[in-house]
Amino acid sequence: MNNVSLVTISKPIKTELAEFSTVFNASMKSKVGLVDLVTKYILKQKGKKIRPLLVLLSSQIAGTINERTYRGAVLVELLHTATLVHDDVVDNADKRRGFPSINAIWKNKIAVLMGDYLLSRGLMIAVDGKDFDFLKIMTDTVKRMSEGELLQIKKTRKLDINEETYFKIIADKTASLFETCCEIGARSSSDQAAYHVAMRKYGEYLGIAFQIKDDILDYEGSTKLFGKPIGGDIKEKKITLPLIYALAHSAKDESAKIKKLIKESGKTDSVTSVINFVQNKNGIQYAEKIAKEYADKAKKCLEVFPENSSKESLLALLDFVIERKQ
């Protein structure tokens, strides 16, 4: 399916997404003026809402969207927003989706505390709704996301990431939250364990395909999703699948030379040389093949569900992820 868009994908849950936005906005309200000011600023930055979209579609494919589904979607989005706020502090980033980041406006201390506030709001909503199964899934996800990030930092310092480590990092850092969205969605509307497992695996494979594609876009195109510049990963010395493949298929002296360039990748010509090296060694084609394999595995997970519009959307989402240009 070509030229598929998120607007088309979200058609079966258009009304429910609007309802989610209302519930989400209300969930961030606080009696503390400064907290309210910062949350209003966060809400101005409209993201693509892929995670709530996943919760709602996963609920609809397994049953009927209900109050518990909305609580699950809010919990996931609050956690995701909290991690973005904290990430900007860790990365010393001054922009987020084209807006000045919270730490750029209010400094690190307020940004860290705001991230903590959002996370605790999500946990409170789950506790109040007695969604203890959601809490168990979510706390494991937070642990995995932190471990994935720390493993990447450790490996980046030595530039010694192999394929096995790369997949461990992206499964924990990115795919774990996609898994959580899909499992929470299915659990909110169905008691069938087979549906919970199928949606969890779908989320895992989708998340891995999504991250591989994101890593490919660092080597081609004009800008990545949310305006990240090309070559950003190289500048941050992140070793991703296209580069891992290229290094593994090079002579020792050539790969040593490339690693040296990555170490001094503040220079634009160094970044260009690394991009050219990866393209010449077919690193991008290899990564695209692997991303497609994961998308196909995700499609197979949906075979247990009856045909309906949300199933069509979840299939189309995989095409969107693989074919996106940013």
Protein backbone atom coordinates (compact mmCIF):
# COMPACT_ATOMS: atom_id res chain seq x y z
CA MET A 1 0.00 0.00 0.00
CA ASN A 2 1.72 3.17 -1.20
CA ASN A 3 1.20 6.78 -0.09
CA VAL A 4 -0.51 5.67 3.08
CA SER A 5 -0.80 8.44 5.68
CA LEU A 6 -1.41 8.58 9.42
CA VAL A 7 -4.70 10.38 8.70
CA THR A 8 -5.93 7.36 6.71
CA ILE A 9 -4.59 4.92 9.31
CA SER A 10 -6.39 6.70 12.16
CA LYS A 11 -9.79 6.84 10.34
CA PRO A 12 -11.40 3.94 12.30
CA ILE A 13 -10.61 5.72 15.58
CA LYS A 14 -10.95 9.37 14.53
CA THR A 15 -13.64 10.18 17.15
CA GLU A 16 -11.82 8.20 19.85
CA LEU A 17 -8.52 10.05 19.16
CA ALA A 18 -10.32 13.36 19.69
CA GLU A 19 -11.76 11.99 22.94
CA PHE A 20 -8.28 10.83 23.96
CA SER A 21 -6.88 14.36 23.45
CA THR A 22 -9.56 15.79 25.79
CA VAL A 23 -8.86 13.17 28.48
CA PHE A 24 -5.08 13.58 28.09
CA ASN A 25 -5.19 17.37 28.40
CA ALA A 26 -7.34 17.09 31.54
CA SER A 27 -4.94 14.51 33.04
CA MET A 28 -2.07 17.02 33.01
CA LYS A 29 -3.87 19.74 34.95
CA SER A 30 -2.34 20.86 38.26
CA LYS A 31 -3.18 23.37 41.00
CA VAL A 32 0.45 24.53 40.91
CA GLY A 33 0.73 27.50 38.54
CA LEU A 34 4.21 26.70 37.22
CA VAL A 35 3.30 23.07 36.50
CA ASP A 36 0.20 24.21 34.59
CA LEU A 37 2.24 26.72 32.60
CA VAL A 38 4.77 24.07 31.52
CA THR A 39 2.11 21.44 30.71
CA LYS A 40 0.24 23.96 28.54
CA TYR A 41 3.50 24.55 26.68
CA ILE A 42 3.98 20.78 26.21
CA LEU A 43 0.44 20.41 24.84
CA LYS A 44 1.14 23.07 22.21
CA GLN A 45 3.76 20.79 20.65
CA LYS A 46 1.57 18.43 18.71
CA GLY A 47 3.37 15.12 18.13
CA LYS A 48 2.18 12.39 15.80
CA LYS A 49 0.43 10.54 18.68
CA ILE A 50 1.54 7.18 17.28
CA ARG A 51 1.47 5.58 20.75
CA PRO A 52 -2.13 6.47 21.70
CA LEU A 53 -3.11 5.52 18.14
CA LEU A 54 -1.58 2.07 18.79
CA VAL A 55 -3.42 1.65 22.11
CA LEU A 56 -6.77 2.57 20.53
CA LEU A 57 -6.35 0.42 17.40
CA SER A 58 -5.12 -2.55 19.49
CA SER A 59 -8.18 -2.20 21.71
CA GLN A 60 -10.53 -1.99 18.74
CA ILE A 61 -9.05 -4.98 16.91
CA ALA A 62 -9.49 -7.12 20.07
CA GLY A 63 -12.87 -5.75 21.22
CA THR A 64 -14.44 -2.38 22.01
CA ILE A 65 -12.69 0.84 23.10
CA ASN A 66 -13.76 1.76 26.65
CA GLU A 67 -12.78 3.89 29.69
CA ARG A 68 -9.91 1.53 30.52
CA THR A 69 -8.55 1.95 26.99
CA TYR A 70 -8.38 5.73 27.44
CA ARG A 71 -6.63 5.35 30.79
CA GLY A 72 -4.09 3.04 29.16
CA ALA A 73 -3.51 5.49 26.28
CA VAL A 74 -3.07 8.40 28.73
CA LEU A 75 -0.65 6.36 30.87
CA VAL A 76 1.48 5.52 27.82
CA GLU A 77 1.49 9.08 26.46
CA LEU A 78 2.37 10.57 29.86
CA LEU A 79 5.26 8.14 30.21
CA HIS A 80 6.45 8.87 26.66
CA THR A 81 6.24 12.64 27.23
CA ALA A 82 8.13 12.30 30.54
CA THR A 83 10.95 10.39 28.83
CA LEU A 84 11.20 13.03 26.07
CA VAL A 85 11.49 15.81 28.68
CA HIS A 86 14.20 13.87 30.53
CA ASP A 87 15.97 12.96 27.24
CA ASP A 88 16.30 16.63 26.32
CA VAL A 89 18.04 17.27 29.65
CA VAL A 90 20.36 14.27 29.18
CA ASP A 91 21.16 15.28 25.58
CA ASN A 92 21.41 18.98 26.44
CA ALA A 93 18.96 19.57 23.57
CA ASP A 94 17.61 23.06 23.04
CA LYS A 95 14.85 22.09 20.56
CA ARG A 96 11.98 19.59 20.54
CA ARG A 97 9.71 19.30 17.46
CA GLY A 98 10.87 22.73 16.31
CA PHE A 99 10.03 24.42 19.66
CA PRO A 100 12.58 25.42 22.32
CA SER A 101 12.85 22.50 24.76
CA ILE A 102 11.61 22.79 28.36
CA ASN A 103 15.17 22.75 29.70
CA ALA A 104 16.08 25.56 27.26
CA ILE A 105 13.29 27.79 28.66
CA TRP A 106 13.00 26.76 32.32
CA LYS A 107 16.44 25.15 32.89
CA ASN A 108 17.31 21.55 33.83
CA LYS A 109 15.95 21.45 37.38
CA ILE A 110 12.38 22.31 36.35
CA ALA A 111 12.59 20.01 33.30
CA VAL A 112 13.64 17.00 35.43
CA LEU A 113 10.91 17.71 37.99
CA MET A 114 8.32 18.09 35.22
CA GLY A 115 9.32 14.71 33.80
CA ASP A 116 8.89 13.23 37.28
CA TYR A 117 5.48 14.92 37.62
CA LEU A 118 4.23 13.49 34.29
CA LEU A 119 5.42 9.99 35.17
CA SER A 120 3.75 10.12 38.60
CA ARG A 121 0.50 11.43 37.05
CA GLY A 122 0.43 8.42 34.73
CA LEU A 123 1.04 6.03 37.63
CA MET A 124 -1.68 7.69 39.73
CA ILE A 125 -4.24 7.39 36.92
CA ALA A 126 -3.49 3.65 36.67
CA VAL A 127 -3.70 3.21 40.48
CA ASP A 128 -6.99 5.15 40.71
CA GLY A 129 -8.44 3.02 37.90
CA LYS A 130 -7.13 -0.16 39.58
CA ASP A 131 -5.29 -1.00 36.34
CA PHE A 132 -2.62 -2.97 38.16
CA ASP A 133 -1.86 -5.13 35.12
CA PHE A 134 -1.04 -1.91 33.20
CA LEU A 135 1.28 -0.80 36.02
CA LYS A 136 3.20 -4.09 35.95
CA ILE A 137 3.70 -3.86 32.17
CA MET A 138 4.61 -0.18 32.33
CA THR A 139 7.17 -0.40 35.15
CA ASP A 140 8.96 -3.20 33.28
CA THR A 141 8.98 -0.95 30.18
CA VAL A 142 10.51 2.00 32.06
CA LYS A 143 13.22 -0.34 33.38
CA ARG A 144 13.94 -1.69 29.87
CA MET A 145 14.03 1.78 28.29
CA SER A 146 16.57 2.94 30.89
CA GLU A 147 18.70 -0.19 30.48
CA GLY A 148 18.66 0.16 26.68
CA GLU A 149 19.77 3.79 26.90
CA LEU A 150 22.56 2.98 29.37
CA LEU A 151 23.78 0.04 27.26
CA GLN A 152 23.90 2.31 24.21
CA ILE A 153 25.92 4.96 26.11
CA LYS A 154 28.38 2.32 27.30
CA LYS A 155 28.83 0.81 23.82
CA THR A 156 28.99 4.20 22.07
CA ARG A 157 32.06 5.11 24.12
CA LYS A 158 33.96 2.12 22.76
CA LEU A 159 32.33 2.05 19.28
CA ASP A 160 32.01 -1.74 19.57
CA ILE A 161 28.33 -2.43 18.83
CA ASN A 162 27.59 -5.65 16.92
CA GLU A 163 24.22 -6.71 15.48
CA GLU A 164 23.19 -8.68 18.55
CA THR A 165 23.85 -5.70 20.87
CA TYR A 166 22.12 -3.31 18.43
CA PHE A 167 18.92 -5.39 18.47
CA LYS A 168 19.04 -5.64 22.27
CA ILE A 169 19.34 -1.83 22.50
CA ILE A 170 16.50 -1.02 20.10
CA ALA A 171 14.22 -3.74 21.53
CA ASP A 172 14.61 -2.17 24.98
CA LYS A 173 14.86 1.51 24.04
CA THR A 174 12.18 1.78 21.36
CA ALA A 175 10.23 -1.43 20.79
CA SER A 176 9.39 -1.98 24.49
CA LEU A 177 7.04 1.04 24.51
CA PHE A 178 5.38 -0.05 21.25
CA GLU A 179 4.87 -3.53 22.79
CA THR A 180 3.32 -1.93 25.86
CA CYS A 181 0.90 0.21 23.82
CA CYS A 182 -0.36 -2.80 21.90
CA GLU A 183 -0.64 -5.14 24.89
CA ILE A 184 -2.38 -2.52 27.05
CA GLY A 185 -4.82 -1.82 24.19
CA ALA A 186 -5.68 -5.51 23.74
CA ARG A 187 -5.96 -6.08 27.52
CA SER A 188 -8.33 -3.13 27.91
CA SER A 189 -10.96 -4.70 25.62
CA SER A 190 -10.42 -8.47 25.73
CA ASP A 191 -9.67 -11.28 28.21
CA GLN A 192 -8.24 -13.53 25.49
CA ALA A 193 -4.58 -14.27 26.28
CA ALA A 194 -3.90 -15.14 22.61
CA TYR A 195 -4.91 -11.60 21.63
CA HIS A 196 -2.66 -10.07 24.32
CA VAL A 197 0.35 -12.09 23.11
CA ALA A 198 -0.34 -11.41 19.41
CA MET A 199 -0.58 -7.65 19.94
CA ARG A 200 2.50 -7.58 22.17
CA LYS A 201 4.56 -9.37 19.46
CA TYR A 202 3.07 -7.08 16.79
CA GLY A 203 4.21 -4.06 18.84
CA GLU A 204 7.70 -5.49 19.30
CA TYR A 205 8.23 -6.15 15.58
CA LEU A 206 6.66 -2.81 14.61
CA GLY A 207 8.95 -0.99 17.07
CA ILE A 208 12.08 -2.69 15.73
CA ALA A 209 11.09 -1.93 12.10
CA PHE A 210 10.33 1.68 13.11
CA GLN A 211 13.75 2.17 14.73
CA ILE A 212 15.70 0.53 11.89
CA LYS A 213 13.91 2.85 9.44
CA ASP A 214 14.73 5.83 11.66
CA ASP A 215 18.38 4.76 11.61
CA ILE A 216 18.31 4.39 7.81
CA LEU A 217 16.94 7.94 7.49
CA ASP A 218 20.08 9.22 9.21
CA TYR A 219 21.95 8.23 6.04
CA GLU A 220 19.53 9.50 3.40
CA GLY A 221 16.75 12.01 2.75
CA SER A 222 16.69 15.63 3.89
CA THR A 223 15.44 15.59 7.48
CA LYS A 224 14.33 12.85 9.80
CA LEU A 225 11.07 12.64 11.72
CA PHE A 226 10.52 15.68 13.96
CA GLY A 227 13.19 17.62 12.05
CA LYS A 228 16.26 15.71 13.20
CA PRO A 229 19.18 16.52 10.88
CA ILE A 230 20.78 13.92 8.62
CA GLY A 231 23.98 12.53 10.10
CA GLY A 232 22.82 13.31 13.65
CA ASP A 233 23.48 9.74 14.81
CA ILE A 234 27.00 9.85 13.37
CA LYS A 235 27.72 13.11 15.19
CA GLU A 236 26.50 11.47 18.41
CA LYS A 237 28.76 8.47 17.60
CA LYS A 238 25.77 6.11 17.51
CA ILE A 239 26.56 2.89 15.68
CA THR A 240 23.35 1.70 13.98
CA LEU A 241 22.47 -1.21 11.65
CA PRO A 242 23.52 0.33 8.28
CA LEU A 243 26.94 1.18 9.74
CA ILE A 244 27.31 -2.15 11.62
CA TYR A 245 26.77 -4.02 8.35
CA ALA A 246 29.16 -1.77 6.41
CA LEU A 247 31.92 -2.14 9.04
CA ALA A 248 31.44 -5.93 9.16
CA HIS A 249 31.91 -6.09 5.38
CA SER A 250 35.12 -4.05 5.22
CA ALA A 251 38.80 -4.74 5.55
CA LYS A 252 40.23 -4.17 9.05
CA ASP A 253 42.20 -1.06 8.11
CA GLU A 254 39.19 0.47 6.31
CA SER A 255 36.86 -0.03 9.28
CA ALA A 256 39.53 1.37 11.64
CA LYS A 257 39.74 4.47 9.43
CA ILE A 258 35.94 4.90 9.53
CA LYS A 259 35.84 4.51 13.32
CA LYS A 260 38.52 7.21 13.56
CA LEU A 261 36.33 9.50 11.41
CA ILE A 262 33.34 8.82 13.71
CA LYS A 263 35.42 9.81 16.73
CA GLU A 264 36.07 13.19 15.14
CA SER A 265 32.60 13.45 13.58
CA GLY A 266 32.06 17.03 14.65
CA LYS A 267 33.36 17.91 11.19
CA THR A 268 30.87 17.93 8.31
CA ASP A 269 33.29 16.27 5.85
CA SER A 270 33.80 13.38 8.33
CA VAL A 271 30.03 12.81 8.47
CA THR A 272 29.79 12.89 4.66
CA SER A 273 32.63 10.34 4.37
CA VAL A 274 30.87 7.96 6.80
CA ILE A 275 27.55 8.32 4.93
CA ASN A 276 29.27 7.59 1.58
CA PHE A 277 31.06 4.57 3.10
CA VAL A 278 27.77 3.09 4.36
CA GLN A 279 26.06 3.68 1.02
CA ASN A 280 28.93 2.09 -0.93
CA LYS A 281 28.93 -1.01 1.30
CA ASN A 282 25.15 -1.55 0.80
CA GLY A 283 24.48 -0.88 4.48
CA ILE A 284 21.20 0.89 3.68
CA GLN A 285 19.87 -1.91 1.43
CA TYR A 286 20.70 -4.48 4.11
CA ALA A 287 18.96 -2.49 6.86
CA GLU A 288 15.91 -1.98 4.61
CA LYS A 289 15.69 -5.74 4.01
CA ILE A 290 15.80 -6.44 7.78
CA ALA A 291 13.19 -3.72 8.53
CA LYS A 292 10.87 -5.29 5.94
CA GLU A 293 11.37 -8.74 7.49
CA TYR A 294 10.26 -7.39 10.88
CA ALA A 295 7.25 -5.65 9.30
CA ASP A 296 6.25 -8.97 7.67
CA LYS A 297 6.59 -10.77 11.03
CA ALA A 298 4.31 -8.11 12.58
CA LYS A 299 1.72 -8.66 9.83
CA LYS A 300 1.65 -12.39 10.63
CA CYS A 301 0.79 -11.60 14.27
CA LEU A 302 -2.52 -10.07 13.13
CA GLU A 303 -3.71 -13.29 11.47
CA VAL A 304 -5.50 -14.39 14.69
CA PHE A 305 -7.87 -11.41 14.49
CA PRO A 306 -11.06 -11.18 12.39
CA GLU A 307 -11.06 -8.83 9.39
CA ASN A 308 -12.07 -5.30 10.35
CA SER A 309 -11.12 -1.67 9.73
CA SER A 310 -8.70 -1.49 12.68
CA LYS A 311 -6.85 -4.58 11.40
CA GLU A 312 -6.52 -2.88 7.99
CA SER A 313 -5.11 0.21 9.75
CA LEU A 314 -2.58 -1.81 11.76
CA LEU A 315 -1.42 -3.50 8.54
CA ALA A 316 -1.23 -0.12 6.78
CA LEU A 317 0.78 1.32 9.68
CA LEU A 318 3.55 -1.19 8.94
CA ASP A 319 3.69 -0.01 5.32
CA PHE A 320 3.74 3.60 6.53
CA VAL A 321 6.66 2.89 8.88
CA ILE A 322 8.70 1.13 6.18
CA GLU A 323 7.99 3.63 3.40
CA ARG A 324 8.18 6.93 5.29
CA LYS A 325 10.68 9.48 4.03
CA GLN A 326 11.11 11.35 7.33
